Amino acid sequence: MSLRKQNLAAIGIHDRFAKRKENFLQEKVPNKETEKAEIWVHQNKLTEGLDDARFCYLALFTQIQNDRKLIQQIGRILR
């Protein structure tokens, strides 16, 4: 919500958003061809196979304990 208040095109993706009415809070990853968000906020979606050529930044807000997970997330941004 804070990003949206700054007039940034952001969406949130989390399984707990199933009953939310706001269209920018989604339970499942939206179709990347139709979603125009500049910022995608999610929990663990990059390690679950979300790839999009438009992604160019990755912000981590917690330390990743597993080297493979870190490399996987960085690799999805570099492709």
N, C-alpha and C. Protein backbone atom coordinates (compact mmCIF):
# COMPACT_ATOMS: atom_id res chain seq x y z
N MET A 1 0.81 -1.19 0.00
CA MET A 1 0.00 0.00 0.00
C MET A 1 0.86 1.26 0.00
N SER A 2 1.98 1.22 0.71
CA SER A 2 2.85 2.40 0.76
C SER A 2 3.39 2.76 -0.61
N LEU A 3 3.72 1.77 -1.41
CA LEU A 3 4.21 2.04 -2.77
C LEU A 3 3.11 2.68 -3.61
N ARG A 4 1.90 2.19 -3.48
CA ARG A 4 0.77 2.74 -4.24
C ARG A 4 0.50 4.19 -3.83
N LYS A 5 0.69 4.50 -2.56
CA LYS A 5 0.47 5.87 -2.09
C LYS A 5 1.50 6.83 -2.68
N GLN A 6 2.63 6.29 -3.12
CA GLN A 6 3.66 7.09 -3.78
C GLN A 6 3.45 7.13 -5.30
N ASN A 7 2.28 6.70 -5.74
CA ASN A 7 1.92 6.66 -7.17
C ASN A 7 2.82 5.74 -7.99
N LEU A 8 3.28 4.66 -7.37
CA LEU A 8 4.05 3.65 -8.07
C LEU A 8 3.13 2.49 -8.44
N ALA A 9 3.29 2.00 -9.65
CA ALA A 9 2.46 0.88 -10.11
C ALA A 9 2.99 -0.41 -9.50
N ALA A 10 2.46 -0.77 -8.34
CA ALA A 10 2.94 -1.94 -7.60
C ALA A 10 1.80 -2.92 -7.36
N ILE A 11 2.16 -4.21 -7.36
CA ILE A 11 1.21 -5.24 -6.98
C ILE A 11 1.83 -6.10 -5.89
N GLY A 12 1.00 -6.70 -5.08
CA GLY A 12 1.44 -7.62 -4.05
C GLY A 12 0.92 -9.01 -4.37
N ILE A 13 1.78 -10.01 -4.22
CA ILE A 13 1.40 -11.39 -4.52
C ILE A 13 1.70 -12.24 -3.28
N HIS A 14 0.65 -12.85 -2.73
CA HIS A 14 0.81 -13.70 -1.55
C HIS A 14 -0.42 -14.58 -1.42
N ASP A 15 -0.23 -15.80 -0.95
CA ASP A 15 -1.37 -16.71 -0.82
C ASP A 15 -2.41 -16.22 0.19
N ARG A 16 -2.05 -15.31 1.05
CA ARG A 16 -3.00 -14.77 2.02
C ARG A 16 -3.89 -13.66 1.46
N PHE A 17 -3.69 -13.30 0.21
CA PHE A 17 -4.50 -12.24 -0.41
C PHE A 17 -5.73 -12.78 -1.11
N ALA A 18 -6.10 -14.02 -0.87
CA ALA A 18 -7.21 -14.67 -1.58
C ALA A 18 -8.52 -13.90 -1.43
N LYS A 19 -8.77 -13.33 -0.28
CA LYS A 19 -10.05 -12.68 -0.02
C LYS A 19 -9.97 -11.15 -0.08
N ARG A 20 -8.88 -10.62 -0.55
CA ARG A 20 -8.73 -9.16 -0.64
C ARG A 20 -9.48 -8.61 -1.83
N LYS A 21 -10.09 -7.46 -1.67
CA LYS A 21 -10.86 -6.84 -2.74
C LYS A 21 -10.01 -5.98 -3.66
N GLU A 22 -8.88 -5.49 -3.17
CA GLU A 22 -8.02 -4.63 -3.98
C GLU A 22 -7.43 -5.44 -5.13
N ASN A 23 -7.55 -4.95 -6.35
CA ASN A 23 -7.06 -5.71 -7.50
C ASN A 23 -5.53 -5.76 -7.57
N PHE A 24 -4.85 -4.91 -6.82
CA PHE A 24 -3.38 -4.95 -6.84
C PHE A 24 -2.82 -5.91 -5.79
N LEU A 25 -3.67 -6.53 -4.99
CA LEU A 25 -3.26 -7.58 -4.05
C LEU A 25 -3.82 -8.89 -4.57
N GLN A 26 -2.93 -9.75 -5.04
CA GLN A 26 -3.37 -10.96 -5.72
C GLN A 26 -2.83 -12.21 -5.05
N GLU A 27 -3.63 -13.25 -5.10
CA GLU A 27 -3.24 -14.53 -4.49
C GLU A 27 -2.22 -15.26 -5.36
N LYS A 28 -2.41 -15.21 -6.65
CA LYS A 28 -1.55 -15.94 -7.59
C LYS A 28 -0.82 -14.96 -8.50
N VAL A 29 0.26 -15.41 -9.07
CA VAL A 29 1.04 -14.58 -9.99
C VAL A 29 0.17 -14.24 -11.20
N PRO A 30 0.01 -12.96 -11.50
CA PRO A 30 -0.82 -12.57 -12.63
C PRO A 30 -0.15 -12.88 -13.97
N ASN A 31 -0.94 -12.85 -15.01
CA ASN A 31 -0.43 -13.05 -16.35
C ASN A 31 0.52 -11.91 -16.69
N LYS A 32 1.76 -12.21 -16.96
CA LYS A 32 2.76 -11.16 -17.19
C LYS A 32 2.50 -10.36 -18.46
N GLU A 33 1.73 -10.90 -19.40
CA GLU A 33 1.42 -10.16 -20.62
C GLU A 33 0.40 -9.04 -20.35
N THR A 34 -0.43 -9.21 -19.33
CA THR A 34 -1.46 -8.21 -19.06
C THR A 34 -1.14 -7.32 -17.87
N GLU A 35 -0.26 -7.74 -17.00
CA GLU A 35 0.06 -6.95 -15.80
C GLU A 35 1.06 -5.85 -16.15
N LYS A 36 0.72 -4.62 -15.80
CA LYS A 36 1.55 -3.47 -16.14
C LYS A 36 2.29 -2.91 -14.91
N ALA A 37 2.34 -3.65 -13.84
CA ALA A 37 2.99 -3.16 -12.62
C ALA A 37 4.49 -2.99 -12.83
N GLU A 38 5.03 -1.94 -12.26
CA GLU A 38 6.47 -1.69 -12.31
C GLU A 38 7.17 -2.40 -11.16
N ILE A 39 6.47 -2.60 -10.06
CA ILE A 39 7.05 -3.22 -8.87
C ILE A 39 6.19 -4.40 -8.45
N TRP A 40 6.81 -5.55 -8.31
CA TRP A 40 6.12 -6.75 -7.86
C TRP A 40 6.66 -7.10 -6.49
N VAL A 41 5.81 -7.08 -5.49
CA VAL A 41 6.19 -7.43 -4.12
C VAL A 41 5.63 -8.81 -3.84
N HIS A 42 6.47 -9.72 -3.41
CA HIS A 42 6.04 -11.10 -3.23
C HIS A 42 6.88 -11.78 -2.17
N GLN A 43 6.45 -12.94 -1.80
CA GLN A 43 7.21 -13.76 -0.87
C GLN A 43 7.52 -15.08 -1.55
N ASN A 44 8.76 -15.34 -1.81
CA ASN A 44 9.25 -16.61 -2.37
C ASN A 44 8.82 -16.88 -3.81
N LYS A 45 8.33 -15.92 -4.54
CA LYS A 45 7.88 -16.20 -5.90
C LYS A 45 9.03 -16.42 -6.87
N LEU A 46 10.15 -15.77 -6.68
CA LEU A 46 11.27 -15.98 -7.60
C LEU A 46 11.83 -17.39 -7.48
N THR A 47 11.75 -17.98 -6.32
CA THR A 47 12.24 -19.35 -6.18
C THR A 47 11.18 -20.35 -6.60
N GLU A 48 9.97 -19.89 -6.90
CA GLU A 48 8.90 -20.79 -7.35
C GLU A 48 8.75 -20.78 -8.86
N GLY A 49 9.63 -20.15 -9.57
CA GLY A 49 9.59 -20.22 -11.03
C GLY A 49 9.01 -19.03 -11.74
N LEU A 50 8.98 -17.88 -11.11
CA LEU A 50 8.47 -16.68 -11.77
C LEU A 50 9.60 -16.02 -12.55
N ASP A 51 9.48 -16.01 -13.86
CA ASP A 51 10.47 -15.37 -14.75
C ASP A 51 9.76 -14.32 -15.58
N ASP A 52 10.39 -13.20 -15.75
CA ASP A 52 9.84 -12.15 -16.61
C ASP A 52 11.01 -11.31 -17.08
N ALA A 53 11.13 -11.12 -18.37
CA ALA A 53 12.26 -10.38 -18.94
C ALA A 53 12.28 -8.92 -18.49
N ARG A 54 11.14 -8.41 -17.99
CA ARG A 54 11.09 -7.02 -17.53
C ARG A 54 11.72 -6.84 -16.15
N PHE A 55 11.91 -7.91 -15.40
CA PHE A 55 12.51 -7.78 -14.07
C PHE A 55 13.96 -7.36 -14.21
N CYS A 56 14.36 -6.32 -13.47
CA CYS A 56 15.74 -5.85 -13.58
C CYS A 56 16.36 -5.55 -12.22
N TYR A 57 15.59 -5.59 -11.15
CA TYR A 57 16.12 -5.35 -9.81
C TYR A 57 15.58 -6.41 -8.87
N LEU A 58 16.36 -6.73 -7.88
CA LEU A 58 15.94 -7.65 -6.83
C LEU A 58 16.28 -7.03 -5.49
N ALA A 59 15.31 -6.88 -4.63
CA ALA A 59 15.55 -6.35 -3.28
C ALA A 59 15.29 -7.47 -2.28
N LEU A 60 16.27 -7.76 -1.47
CA LEU A 60 16.13 -8.78 -0.43
C LEU A 60 16.03 -8.09 0.92
N PHE A 61 15.06 -8.50 1.70
CA PHE A 61 14.85 -7.88 3.00
C PHE A 61 15.15 -8.82 4.15
N THR A 62 15.73 -9.94 3.83
CA THR A 62 16.15 -10.91 4.83
C THR A 62 17.34 -11.68 4.29
N GLN A 63 18.15 -12.18 5.16
CA GLN A 63 19.32 -12.93 4.73
C GLN A 63 18.89 -14.30 4.21
N ILE A 64 19.42 -14.68 3.06
CA ILE A 64 19.13 -16.00 2.49
C ILE A 64 20.19 -16.96 3.00
N GLN A 65 19.75 -18.01 3.65
CA GLN A 65 20.65 -18.97 4.29
C GLN A 65 21.16 -20.04 3.32
N ASN A 66 20.54 -20.16 2.17
CA ASN A 66 20.85 -21.22 1.24
C ASN A 66 21.48 -20.61 -0.01
N ASP A 67 22.72 -20.99 -0.33
CA ASP A 67 23.42 -20.43 -1.50
C ASP A 67 22.66 -20.70 -2.80
N ARG A 68 22.11 -21.89 -2.93
CA ARG A 68 21.38 -22.26 -4.15
C ARG A 68 20.18 -21.34 -4.36
N LYS A 69 19.45 -21.03 -3.29
CA LYS A 69 18.29 -20.14 -3.38
C LYS A 69 18.71 -18.74 -3.83
N LEU A 70 19.81 -18.25 -3.27
CA LEU A 70 20.30 -16.92 -3.64
C LEU A 70 20.70 -16.88 -5.11
N ILE A 71 21.45 -17.86 -5.56
CA ILE A 71 21.88 -17.93 -6.96
C ILE A 71 20.67 -18.03 -7.88
N GLN A 72 19.67 -18.79 -7.46
CA GLN A 72 18.45 -18.95 -8.27
C GLN A 72 17.73 -17.61 -8.42
N GLN A 73 17.62 -16.86 -7.35
CA GLN A 73 16.94 -15.57 -7.42
C GLN A 73 17.72 -14.58 -8.28
N ILE A 74 19.02 -14.51 -8.09
CA ILE A 74 19.84 -13.61 -8.90
C ILE A 74 19.77 -13.99 -10.37
N GLY A 75 19.82 -15.29 -10.66
CA GLY A 75 19.76 -15.77 -12.03
C GLY A 75 18.48 -15.39 -12.74
N ARG A 76 17.37 -15.38 -12.02
CA ARG A 76 16.09 -15.02 -12.64
C ARG A 76 16.08 -13.54 -13.06
N ILE A 77 16.80 -12.71 -12.35
CA ILE A 77 16.87 -11.30 -12.70
C ILE A 77 17.84 -11.07 -13.86
N LEU A 78 18.92 -11.83 -13.91
CA LEU A 78 19.95 -11.63 -14.93
C LEU A 78 19.55 -12.14 -16.31
N ARG A 79 18.59 -13.04 -16.39
CA ARG A 79 18.21 -13.62 -17.70
C ARG A 79 17.64 -12.64 -18.65
